[in-house]
Amino acid sequence: MYQSRLAELEEAEGPYTEELAARDYWHHLMSMKTDNMEEFTYETCKRVHNLKYYTWVEQQGRTLEELNAQWYDEHYWDDLHKQVDEIDQLTAEFNERTGVLASM
């Protein structure tokens, strides 16, 4: 889990212990059956990618070029992952500016 999410859970429910983590691991991961799974083929991946059109382009106002870069630009995701520190800083600045965390 994200450390920020763990802090929220600990504040609401107390410490997240190794015992609770083991319980969650077995309950949510190891008890999974294959009826809840799908092996992603190329076609399945493309279908899921295409479902993002509504949220990316129509709701968020991103461009189709940005969306297509996720699929066709072989460096897109690696380059995005390299920005993690910058994204974290922007998120912290947003949270500070809007007071979103203070209201929780």
PDB file of N, CA and C in Angstrom:
ATOM      1  N   MET A   1       0.831  -1.183   0.000  1.00  0.00           N
ATOM      2  CA  MET A   1       0.000   0.000   0.000  1.00  0.00           C
ATOM      3  C   MET A   1       0.874   1.244   0.000  1.00  0.00           C
ATOM      4  N   TYR A   2       0.307   2.325  -0.486  1.00  0.00           N
ATOM      5  CA  TYR A   2       0.980   3.609  -0.393  1.00  0.00           C
ATOM      6  C   TYR A   2       1.114   3.976   1.078  1.00  0.00           C
ATOM      7  N   GLN A   3       2.223   4.577   1.447  1.00  0.00           N
ATOM      8  CA  GLN A   3       2.425   4.975   2.836  1.00  0.00           C
ATOM      9  C   GLN A   3       1.349   5.958   3.294  1.00  0.00           C
ATOM     10  N   SER A   4       0.911   6.851   2.391  1.00  0.00           N
ATOM     11  CA  SER A   4      -0.138   7.808   2.768  1.00  0.00           C
ATOM     12  C   SER A   4      -1.445   7.083   3.074  1.00  0.00           C
ATOM     13  N   ARG A   5      -1.736   6.047   2.340  1.00  0.00           N
ATOM     14  CA  ARG A   5      -2.969   5.274   2.576  1.00  0.00           C
ATOM     15  C   ARG A   5      -2.859   4.510   3.887  1.00  0.00           C
ATOM     16  N   LEU A   6      -1.672   3.963   4.177  1.00  0.00           N
ATOM     17  CA  LEU A   6      -1.474   3.273   5.448  1.00  0.00           C
ATOM     18  C   LEU A   6      -1.691   4.226   6.618  1.00  0.00           C
ATOM     19  N   ALA A   7      -1.196   5.470   6.484  1.00  0.00           N
ATOM     20  CA  ALA A   7      -1.378   6.456   7.554  1.00  0.00           C
ATOM     21  C   ALA A   7      -2.867   6.744   7.769  1.00  0.00           C
ATOM     22  N   GLU A   8      -3.606   6.876   6.677  1.00  0.00           N
ATOM     23  CA  GLU A   8      -5.053   7.114   6.791  1.00  0.00           C
ATOM     24  C   GLU A   8      -5.743   5.949   7.490  1.00  0.00           C
ATOM     25  N   LEU A   9      -5.398   4.731   7.088  1.00  0.00           N
ATOM     26  CA  LEU A   9      -6.022   3.553   7.689  1.00  0.00           C
ATOM     27  C   LEU A   9      -5.659   3.420   9.158  1.00  0.00           C
ATOM     28  N   GLU A  10      -4.392   3.690   9.486  1.00  0.00           N
ATOM     29  CA  GLU A  10      -3.975   3.587  10.884  1.00  0.00           C
ATOM     30  C   GLU A  10      -4.699   4.610  11.747  1.00  0.00           C
ATOM     31  N   GLU A  11      -4.906   5.791  11.216  1.00  0.00           N
ATOM     32  CA  GLU A  11      -5.634   6.810  11.975  1.00  0.00           C
ATOM     33  C   GLU A  11      -7.075   6.385  12.203  1.00  0.00           C
ATOM     34  N   ALA A  12      -7.669   5.773  11.198  1.00  0.00           N
ATOM     35  CA  ALA A  12      -9.073   5.384  11.295  1.00  0.00           C
ATOM     36  C   ALA A  12      -9.281   4.072  12.052  1.00  0.00           C
ATOM     37  N   GLU A  13      -8.344   3.129  11.882  1.00  0.00           N
ATOM     38  CA  GLU A  13      -8.590   1.773  12.392  1.00  0.00           C
ATOM     39  C   GLU A  13      -7.499   1.244  13.318  1.00  0.00           C
ATOM     40  N   GLY A  14      -6.478   2.025  13.591  1.00  0.00           N
ATOM     41  CA  GLY A  14      -5.379   1.547  14.420  1.00  0.00           C
ATOM     42  C   GLY A  14      -4.263   0.994  13.551  1.00  0.00           C
ATOM     43  N   PRO A  15      -3.193   0.524  14.176  1.00  0.00           N
ATOM     44  CA  PRO A  15      -2.018   0.056  13.423  1.00  0.00           C
ATOM     45  C   PRO A  15      -2.346  -1.104  12.476  1.00  0.00           C
ATOM     46  N   TYR A  16      -1.726  -1.045  11.315  1.00  0.00           N
ATOM     47  CA  TYR A  16      -1.867  -2.129  10.339  1.00  0.00           C
ATOM     48  C   TYR A  16      -0.732  -3.115  10.613  1.00  0.00           C
ATOM     49  N   THR A  17      -1.057  -4.168  11.313  1.00  0.00           N
ATOM     50  CA  THR A  17      -0.051  -5.115  11.794  1.00  0.00           C
ATOM     51  C   THR A  17       0.292  -6.154  10.734  1.00  0.00           C
ATOM     52  N   GLU A  18       1.356  -6.890  10.998  1.00  0.00           N
ATOM     53  CA  GLU A  18       1.717  -7.995  10.104  1.00  0.00           C
ATOM     54  C   GLU A  18       0.599  -9.028  10.053  1.00  0.00           C
ATOM     55  N   GLU A  19      -0.068  -9.234  11.170  1.00  0.00           N
ATOM     56  CA  GLU A  19      -1.178 -10.196  11.213  1.00  0.00           C
ATOM     57  C   GLU A  19      -2.319  -9.742  10.302  1.00  0.00           C
ATOM     58  N   LEU A  20      -2.655  -8.459  10.348  1.00  0.00           N
ATOM     59  CA  LEU A  20      -3.705  -7.944   9.470  1.00  0.00           C
ATOM     60  C   LEU A  20      -3.280  -8.008   8.009  1.00  0.00           C
ATOM     61  N   ALA A  21      -2.018  -7.720   7.750  1.00  0.00           N
ATOM     62  CA  ALA A  21      -1.524  -7.791   6.376  1.00  0.00           C
ATOM     63  C   ALA A  21      -1.602  -9.225   5.861  1.00  0.00           C
ATOM     64  N   ALA A  22      -1.241 -10.189   6.697  1.00  0.00           N
ATOM     65  CA  ALA A  22      -1.316 -11.597   6.299  1.00  0.00           C
ATOM     66  C   ALA A  22      -2.758 -12.002   6.037  1.00  0.00           C
ATOM     67  N   ARG A  23      -3.664 -11.533   6.899  1.00  0.00           N
ATOM     68  CA  ARG A  23      -5.086 -11.829   6.706  1.00  0.00           C
ATOM     69  C   ARG A  23      -5.580 -11.259   5.376  1.00  0.00           C
ATOM     70  N   ASP A  24      -5.238 -10.011   5.116  1.00  0.00           N
ATOM     71  CA  ASP A  24      -5.656  -9.384   3.866  1.00  0.00           C
ATOM     72  C   ASP A  24      -5.051 -10.079   2.663  1.00  0.00           C
ATOM     73  N   TYR A  25      -3.779 -10.460   2.772  1.00  0.00           N
ATOM     74  CA  TYR A  25      -3.101 -11.155   1.680  1.00  0.00           C
ATOM     75  C   TYR A  25      -3.844 -12.444   1.337  1.00  0.00           C
ATOM     76  N   TRP A  26      -4.140 -13.239   2.335  1.00  0.00           N
ATOM     77  CA  TRP A  26      -4.817 -14.505   2.079  1.00  0.00           C
ATOM     78  C   TRP A  26      -6.258 -14.300   1.640  1.00  0.00           C
ATOM     79  N   HIS A  27      -6.914 -13.339   2.232  1.00  0.00           N
ATOM     80  CA  HIS A  27      -8.317 -13.113   1.897  1.00  0.00           C
ATOM     81  C   HIS A  27      -8.484 -12.541   0.492  1.00  0.00           C
ATOM     82  N   HIS A  28      -7.669 -11.550   0.135  1.00  0.00           N
ATOM     83  CA  HIS A  28      -7.877 -10.828  -1.118  1.00  0.00           C
ATOM     84  C   HIS A  28      -7.049 -11.340  -2.290  1.00  0.00           C
ATOM     85  N   LEU A  29      -5.954 -12.019  -2.012  1.00  0.00           N
ATOM     86  CA  LEU A  29      -5.110 -12.489  -3.107  1.00  0.00           C
ATOM     87  C   LEU A  29      -5.100 -14.005  -3.247  1.00  0.00           C
ATOM     88  N   MET A  30      -4.779 -14.686  -2.183  1.00  0.00           N
ATOM     89  CA  MET A  30      -4.612 -16.134  -2.284  1.00  0.00           C
ATOM     90  C   MET A  30      -5.929 -16.890  -2.406  1.00  0.00           C
ATOM     91  N   SER A  31      -7.039 -16.249  -2.053  1.00  0.00           N
ATOM     92  CA  SER A  31      -8.329 -16.939  -2.180  1.00  0.00           C
ATOM     93  C   SER A  31      -8.990 -16.671  -3.530  1.00  0.00           C
ATOM     94  N   MET A  32      -8.304 -15.960  -4.390  1.00  0.00           N
ATOM     95  CA  MET A  32      -8.863 -15.657  -5.712  1.00  0.00           C
ATOM     96  C   MET A  32      -9.021 -16.943  -6.518  1.00  0.00           C
ATOM     97  N   LYS A  33     -10.103 -16.991  -7.248  1.00  0.00           N
ATOM     98  CA  LYS A  33     -10.350 -18.100  -8.169  1.00  0.00           C
ATOM     99  C   LYS A  33     -10.172 -17.582  -9.589  1.00  0.00           C
ATOM    100  N   THR A  34      -9.983 -18.461 -10.507  1.00  0.00           N
ATOM    101  CA  THR A  34      -9.748 -18.034 -11.890  1.00  0.00           C
ATOM    102  C   THR A  34     -10.993 -17.491 -12.570  1.00  0.00           C
ATOM    103  N   ASP A  35     -12.174 -17.669 -11.952  1.00  0.00           N
ATOM    104  CA  ASP A  35     -13.384 -17.113 -12.572  1.00  0.00           C
ATOM    105  C   ASP A  35     -13.399 -15.584 -12.498  1.00  0.00           C
ATOM    106  N   ASN A  36     -12.517 -14.996 -11.691  1.00  0.00           N
ATOM    107  CA  ASN A  36     -12.404 -13.541 -11.605  1.00  0.00           C
ATOM    108  C   ASN A  36     -11.209 -13.018 -12.391  1.00  0.00           C
ATOM    109  N   MET A  37     -10.622 -13.837 -13.205  1.00  0.00           N
ATOM    110  CA  MET A  37      -9.417 -13.462 -13.926  1.00  0.00           C
ATOM    111  C   MET A  37      -9.635 -13.585 -15.433  1.00  0.00           C
ATOM    112  N   GLU A  38      -8.844 -12.831 -16.147  1.00  0.00           N
ATOM    113  CA  GLU A  38      -8.860 -12.937 -17.598  1.00  0.00           C
ATOM    114  C   GLU A  38      -7.430 -12.810 -18.089  1.00  0.00           C
ATOM    115  N   GLU A  39      -7.022 -13.712 -18.929  1.00  0.00           N
ATOM    116  CA  GLU A  39      -5.701 -13.603 -19.530  1.00  0.00           C
ATOM    117  C   GLU A  39      -5.781 -12.575 -20.650  1.00  0.00           C
ATOM    118  N   PHE A  40      -4.964 -11.553 -20.539  1.00  0.00           N
ATOM    119  CA  PHE A  40      -5.011 -10.477 -21.519  1.00  0.00           C
ATOM    120  C   PHE A  40      -4.223 -10.840 -22.767  1.00  0.00           C
ATOM    121  N   THR A  41      -4.933 -10.885 -23.846  1.00  0.00           N
ATOM    122  CA  THR A  41      -4.313 -11.044 -25.151  1.00  0.00           C
ATOM    123  C   THR A  41      -4.050  -9.645 -25.705  1.00  0.00           C
ATOM    124  N   TYR A  42      -3.464  -9.559 -26.845  1.00  0.00           N
ATOM    125  CA  TYR A  42      -3.266  -8.267 -27.496  1.00  0.00           C
ATOM    126  C   TYR A  42      -4.602  -7.561 -27.677  1.00  0.00           C
ATOM    127  N   GLU A  43      -5.592  -8.304 -28.138  1.00  0.00           N
ATOM    128  CA  GLU A  43      -6.909  -7.722 -28.388  1.00  0.00           C
ATOM    129  C   GLU A  43      -7.549  -7.229 -27.095  1.00  0.00           C
ATOM    130  N   THR A  44      -7.408  -7.979 -26.010  1.00  0.00           N
ATOM    131  CA  THR A  44      -7.965  -7.567 -24.726  1.00  0.00           C
ATOM    132  C   THR A  44      -7.292  -6.285 -24.240  1.00  0.00           C
ATOM    133  N   CYS A  45      -5.979  -6.237 -24.338  1.00  0.00           N
ATOM    134  CA  CYS A  45      -5.246  -5.032 -23.921  1.00  0.00           C
ATOM    135  C   CYS A  45      -5.691  -3.829 -24.731  1.00  0.00           C
ATOM    136  N   LYS A  46      -5.849  -4.007 -26.021  1.00  0.00           N
ATOM    137  CA  LYS A  46      -6.270  -2.905 -26.886  1.00  0.00           C
ATOM    138  C   LYS A  46      -7.688  -2.458 -26.527  1.00  0.00           C
ATOM    139  N   ARG A  47      -8.557  -3.394 -26.216  1.00  0.00           N
ATOM    140  CA  ARG A  47      -9.925  -3.060 -25.825  1.00  0.00           C
ATOM    141  C   ARG A  47      -9.922  -2.229 -24.540  1.00  0.00           C
ATOM    142  N   VAL A  48      -9.150  -2.643 -23.557  1.00  0.00           N
ATOM    143  CA  VAL A  48      -9.070  -1.899 -22.300  1.00  0.00           C
ATOM    144  C   VAL A  48      -8.495  -0.505 -22.555  1.00  0.00           C
ATOM    145  N   HIS A  49      -7.469  -0.440 -23.380  1.00  0.00           N
ATOM    146  CA  HIS A  49      -6.879   0.855 -23.718  1.00  0.00           C
ATOM    147  C   HIS A  49      -7.922   1.764 -24.363  1.00  0.00           C
ATOM    148  N   ASN A  50      -8.691   1.234 -25.268  1.00  0.00           N
ATOM    149  CA  ASN A  50      -9.697   2.038 -25.965  1.00  0.00           C
ATOM    150  C   ASN A  50     -10.804   2.525 -25.029  1.00  0.00           C
ATOM    151  N   LEU A  51     -11.053   1.805 -23.939  1.00  0.00           N
ATOM    152  CA  LEU A  51     -12.047   2.247 -22.970  1.00  0.00           C
ATOM    153  C   LEU A  51     -11.620   3.543 -22.271  1.00  0.00           C
ATOM    154  N   LYS A  52     -10.323   3.838 -22.297  1.00  0.00           N
ATOM    155  CA  LYS A  52      -9.830   5.055 -21.654  1.00  0.00           C
ATOM    156  C   LYS A  52     -10.198   6.312 -22.423  1.00  0.00           C
ATOM    157  N   TYR A  53     -10.664   6.166 -23.648  1.00  0.00           N
ATOM    158  CA  TYR A  53     -10.972   7.341 -24.453  1.00  0.00           C
ATOM    159  C   TYR A  53     -11.938   8.267 -23.712  1.00  0.00           C
ATOM    160  N   TYR A  54     -12.993   7.714 -23.166  1.00  0.00           N
ATOM    161  CA  TYR A  54     -14.012   8.532 -22.506  1.00  0.00           C
ATOM    162  C   TYR A  54     -13.409   9.331 -21.345  1.00  0.00           C
ATOM    163  N   THR A  55     -12.688   8.644 -20.454  1.00  0.00           N
ATOM    164  CA  THR A  55     -12.163   9.355 -19.290  1.00  0.00           C
ATOM    165  C   THR A  55     -11.014  10.285 -19.652  1.00  0.00           C
ATOM    166  N   TRP A  56     -10.150   9.874 -20.561  1.00  0.00           N
ATOM    167  CA  TRP A  56      -8.986  10.704 -20.899  1.00  0.00           C
ATOM    168  C   TRP A  56      -9.371  11.885 -21.780  1.00  0.00           C
ATOM    169  N   VAL A  57     -10.061  11.621 -22.850  1.00  0.00           N
ATOM    170  CA  VAL A  57     -10.316  12.665 -23.841  1.00  0.00           C
ATOM    171  C   VAL A  57     -11.586  13.450 -23.505  1.00  0.00           C
ATOM    172  N   GLU A  58     -12.679  12.761 -23.282  1.00  0.00           N
ATOM    173  CA  GLU A  58     -13.946  13.456 -23.084  1.00  0.00           C
ATOM    174  C   GLU A  58     -14.089  14.075 -21.695  1.00  0.00           C
ATOM    175  N   GLN A  59     -13.629  13.385 -20.654  1.00  0.00           N
ATOM    176  CA  GLN A  59     -13.792  13.922 -19.307  1.00  0.00           C
ATOM    177  C   GLN A  59     -12.628  14.818 -18.887  1.00  0.00           C
ATOM    178  N   GLN A  60     -11.403  14.402 -19.176  1.00  0.00           N
ATOM    179  CA  GLN A  60     -10.238  15.146 -18.697  1.00  0.00           C
ATOM    180  C   GLN A  60      -9.705  16.151 -19.708  1.00  0.00           C
ATOM    181  N   GLY A  61     -10.242  16.118 -20.930  1.00  0.00           N
ATOM    182  CA  GLY A  61      -9.807  17.081 -21.924  1.00  0.00           C
ATOM    183  C   GLY A  61      -8.412  16.833 -22.465  1.00  0.00           C
ATOM    184  N   ARG A  62      -7.918  15.623 -22.294  1.00  0.00           N
ATOM    185  CA  ARG A  62      -6.606  15.287 -22.855  1.00  0.00           C
ATOM    186  C   ARG A  62      -6.780  15.079 -24.360  1.00  0.00           C
ATOM    187  N   THR A  63      -5.682  15.055 -25.077  1.00  0.00           N
ATOM    188  CA  THR A  63      -5.779  14.884 -26.528  1.00  0.00           C
ATOM    189  C   THR A  63      -5.721  13.412 -26.897  1.00  0.00           C
ATOM    190  N   LEU A  64      -6.239  13.138 -28.069  1.00  0.00           N
ATOM    191  CA  LEU A  64      -6.162  11.774 -28.590  1.00  0.00           C
ATOM    192  C   LEU A  64      -4.699  11.366 -28.777  1.00  0.00           C
ATOM    193  N   GLU A  65      -3.857  12.332 -29.131  1.00  0.00           N
ATOM    194  CA  GLU A  65      -2.429  12.047 -29.303  1.00  0.00           C
ATOM    195  C   GLU A  65      -1.804  11.570 -27.996  1.00  0.00           C
ATOM    196  N   GLU A  66      -2.200  12.210 -26.874  1.00  0.00           N
ATOM    197  CA  GLU A  66      -1.690  11.776 -25.568  1.00  0.00           C
ATOM    198  C   GLU A  66      -2.131  10.351 -25.254  1.00  0.00           C
ATOM    199  N   LEU A  67      -3.390  10.071 -25.541  1.00  0.00           N
ATOM    200  CA  LEU A  67      -3.907   8.723 -25.299  1.00  0.00           C
ATOM    201  C   LEU A  67      -3.186   7.706 -26.175  1.00  0.00           C
ATOM    202  N   ASN A  68      -3.023   8.022 -27.444  1.00  0.00           N
ATOM    203  CA  ASN A  68      -2.358   7.091 -28.355  1.00  0.00           C
ATOM    204  C   ASN A  68      -0.888   6.884 -28.002  1.00  0.00           C
ATOM    205  N   ALA A  69      -0.270   7.894 -27.399  1.00  0.00           N
ATOM    206  CA  ALA A  69       1.129   7.740 -26.983  1.00  0.00           C
ATOM    207  C   ALA A  69       1.261   6.609 -25.969  1.00  0.00           C
ATOM    208  N   GLN A  70       0.251   6.431 -25.137  1.00  0.00           N
ATOM    209  CA  GLN A  70       0.290   5.340 -24.158  1.00  0.00           C
ATOM    210  C   GLN A  70       0.393   3.981 -24.846  1.00  0.00           C
ATOM    211  N   TRP A  71      -0.178   3.873 -26.014  1.00  0.00           N
ATOM    212  CA  TRP A  71      -0.187   2.594 -26.718  1.00  0.00           C
ATOM    213  C   TRP A  71       0.993   2.451 -27.670  1.00  0.00           C
ATOM    214  N   TYR A  72       1.313   3.516 -28.393  1.00  0.00           N
ATOM    215  CA  TYR A  72       2.288   3.389 -29.482  1.00  0.00           C
ATOM    216  C   TYR A  72       3.707   3.819 -29.115  1.00  0.00           C
ATOM    217  N   ASP A  73       3.872   4.686 -28.134  1.00  0.00           N
ATOM    218  CA  ASP A  73       5.208   5.165 -27.760  1.00  0.00           C
ATOM    219  C   ASP A  73       5.834   4.179 -26.784  1.00  0.00           C
ATOM    220  N   GLU A  74       6.837   3.463 -27.229  1.00  0.00           N
ATOM    221  CA  GLU A  74       7.428   2.409 -26.403  1.00  0.00           C
ATOM    222  C   GLU A  74       8.116   2.955 -25.156  1.00  0.00           C
ATOM    223  N   HIS A  75       8.375   4.249 -25.090  1.00  0.00           N
ATOM    224  CA  HIS A  75       9.035   4.848 -23.932  1.00  0.00           C
ATOM    225  C   HIS A  75       8.056   5.558 -22.997  1.00  0.00           C
ATOM    226  N   TYR A  76       6.791   5.618 -23.355  1.00  0.00           N
ATOM    227  CA  TYR A  76       5.806   6.409 -22.608  1.00  0.00           C
ATOM    228  C   TYR A  76       5.800   6.064 -21.119  1.00  0.00           C
ATOM    229  N   TRP A  77       5.609   4.802 -20.797  1.00  0.00           N
ATOM    230  CA  TRP A  77       5.453   4.421 -19.389  1.00  0.00           C
ATOM    231  C   TRP A  77       6.762   4.515 -18.627  1.00  0.00           C
ATOM    232  N   ASP A  78       7.873   4.142 -19.242  1.00  0.00           N
ATOM    233  CA  ASP A  78       9.166   4.294 -18.568  1.00  0.00           C
ATOM    234  C   ASP A  78       9.449   5.759 -18.274  1.00  0.00           C
ATOM    235  N   ASP A  79       9.162   6.626 -19.244  1.00  0.00           N
ATOM    236  CA  ASP A  79       9.384   8.056 -19.039  1.00  0.00           C
ATOM    237  C   ASP A  79       8.477   8.601 -17.931  1.00  0.00           C
ATOM    238  N   LEU A  80       7.245   8.124 -17.880  1.00  0.00           N
ATOM    239  CA  LEU A  80       6.325   8.563 -16.840  1.00  0.00           C
ATOM    240  C   LEU A  80       6.819   8.120 -15.465  1.00  0.00           C
ATOM    241  N   HIS A  81       7.281   6.889 -15.360  1.00  0.00           N
ATOM    242  CA  HIS A  81       7.763   6.378 -14.079  1.00  0.00           C
ATOM    243  C   HIS A  81       8.991   7.145 -13.597  1.00  0.00           C
ATOM    244  N   LYS A  82       9.762   7.686 -14.505  1.00  0.00           N
ATOM    245  CA  LYS A  82      10.935   8.476 -14.122  1.00  0.00           C
ATOM    246  C   LYS A  82      10.540   9.820 -13.506  1.00  0.00           C
ATOM    247  N   GLN A  83       9.277  10.207 -13.640  1.00  0.00           N
ATOM    248  CA  GLN A  83       8.794  11.478 -13.121  1.00  0.00           C
ATOM    249  C   GLN A  83       8.154  11.353 -11.738  1.00  0.00           C
ATOM    250  N   VAL A  84       8.322  10.229 -11.082  1.00  0.00           N
ATOM    251  CA  VAL A  84       7.601   9.974  -9.840  1.00  0.00           C
ATOM    252  C   VAL A  84       7.879  11.039  -8.787  1.00  0.00           C
ATOM    253  N   ASP A  85       9.112  11.481  -8.632  1.00  0.00           N
ATOM    254  CA  ASP A  85       9.413  12.496  -7.628  1.00  0.00           C
ATOM    255  C   ASP A  85       8.725  13.822  -7.958  1.00  0.00           C
ATOM    256  N   GLU A  86       8.745  14.199  -9.231  1.00  0.00           N
ATOM    257  CA  GLU A  86       8.090  15.430  -9.664  1.00  0.00           C
ATOM    258  C   GLU A  86       6.571  15.342  -9.457  1.00  0.00           C
ATOM    259  N   ILE A  87       5.993  14.205  -9.788  1.00  0.00           N
ATOM    260  CA  ILE A  87       4.551  14.014  -9.623  1.00  0.00           C
ATOM    261  C   ILE A  87       4.179  14.053  -8.144  1.00  0.00           C
ATOM    262  N   ASP A  88       4.988  13.415  -7.296  1.00  0.00           N
ATOM    263  CA  ASP A  88       4.727  13.455  -5.855  1.00  0.00           C
ATOM    264  C   ASP A  88       4.767  14.888  -5.334  1.00  0.00           C
ATOM    265  N   GLN A  89       5.735  15.670  -5.801  1.00  0.00           N
ATOM    266  CA  GLN A  89       5.848  17.066  -5.372  1.00  0.00           C
ATOM    267  C   GLN A  89       4.630  17.870  -5.829  1.00  0.00           C
ATOM    268  N   LEU A  90       4.216  17.677  -7.078  1.00  0.00           N
ATOM    269  CA  LEU A  90       3.034  18.382  -7.577  1.00  0.00           C
ATOM    270  C   LEU A  90       1.783  17.990  -6.796  1.00  0.00           C
ATOM    271  N   THR A  91       1.678  16.727  -6.437  1.00  0.00           N
ATOM    272  CA  THR A  91       0.536  16.255  -5.646  1.00  0.00           C
ATOM    273  C   THR A  91       0.544  16.905  -4.267  1.00  0.00           C
ATOM    274  N   ALA A  92       1.720  16.953  -3.632  1.00  0.00           N
ATOM    275  CA  ALA A  92       1.831  17.581  -2.311  1.00  0.00           C
ATOM    276  C   ALA A  92       1.470  19.066  -2.393  1.00  0.00           C
ATOM    277  N   GLU A  93       1.942  19.743  -3.436  1.00  0.00           N
ATOM    278  CA  GLU A  93       1.619  21.159  -3.612  1.00  0.00           C
ATOM    279  C   GLU A  93       0.113  21.357  -3.822  1.00  0.00           C
ATOM    280  N   PHE A  94      -0.492  20.500  -4.613  1.00  0.00           N
ATOM    281  CA  PHE A  94      -1.941  20.574  -4.840  1.00  0.00           C
ATOM    282  C   PHE A  94      -2.695  20.372  -3.534  1.00  0.00           C
ATOM    283  N   ASN A  95      -2.303  19.354  -2.783  1.00  0.00           N
ATOM    284  CA  ASN A  95      -2.971  19.066  -1.517  1.00  0.00           C
ATOM    285  C   ASN A  95      -2.837  20.240  -0.549  1.00  0.00           C
ATOM    286  N   GLU A  96      -1.671  20.834  -0.507  1.00  0.00           N
ATOM    287  CA  GLU A  96      -1.441  21.989   0.368  1.00  0.00           C
ATOM    288  C   GLU A  96      -2.282  23.181  -0.079  1.00  0.00           C
ATOM    289  N   ARG A  97      -2.270  23.455  -1.382  1.00  0.00           N
ATOM    290  CA  ARG A  97      -2.985  24.603  -1.931  1.00  0.00           C
ATOM    291  C   ARG A  97      -4.497  24.488  -1.735  1.00  0.00           C
ATOM    292  N   THR A  98      -5.024  23.285  -1.900  1.00  0.00           N
ATOM    293  CA  THR A  98      -6.473  23.107  -1.830  1.00  0.00           C
ATOM    294  C   THR A  98      -6.962  22.769  -0.430  1.00  0.00           C
ATOM    295  N   GLY A  99      -6.046  22.359   0.447  1.00  0.00           N
ATOM    296  CA  GLY A  99      -6.455  21.959   1.789  1.00  0.00           C
ATOM    297  C   GLY A  99      -7.164  20.632   1.811  1.00  0.00           C
ATOM    298  N   VAL A 100      -7.012  19.844   0.767  1.00  0.00           N
ATOM    299  CA  VAL A 100      -7.751  18.580   0.656  1.00  0.00           C
ATOM    300  C   VAL A 100      -7.427  17.624   1.801  1.00  0.00           C
ATOM    301  N   LEU A 101      -6.182  17.559   2.225  1.00  0.00           N
ATOM    302  CA  LEU A 101      -5.833  16.640   3.312  1.00  0.00           C
ATOM    303  C   LEU A 101      -6.287  17.174   4.659  1.00  0.00           C
ATOM    304  N   ALA A 102      -6.269  18.478   4.813  1.00  0.00           N
ATOM    305  CA  ALA A 102      -6.676  19.073   6.085  1.00  0.00           C
ATOM    306  C   ALA A 102      -8.150  18.822   6.354  1.00  0.00           C
ATOM    307  N   SER A 103      -8.929  18.656   5.304  1.00  0.00           N
ATOM    308  CA  SER A 103     -10.367  18.443   5.491  1.00  0.00           C
ATOM    309  C   SER A 103     -10.728  16.986   5.743  1.00  0.00           C
ATOM    310  N   MET A 104      -9.747  16.111   5.703  1.00  0.00           N
ATOM    311  CA  MET A 104     -10.032  14.683   5.888  1.00  0.00           C
ATOM    312  C   MET A 104      -9.937  14.293   7.357  1.00  0.00           C
TER     313      MET A 104
END
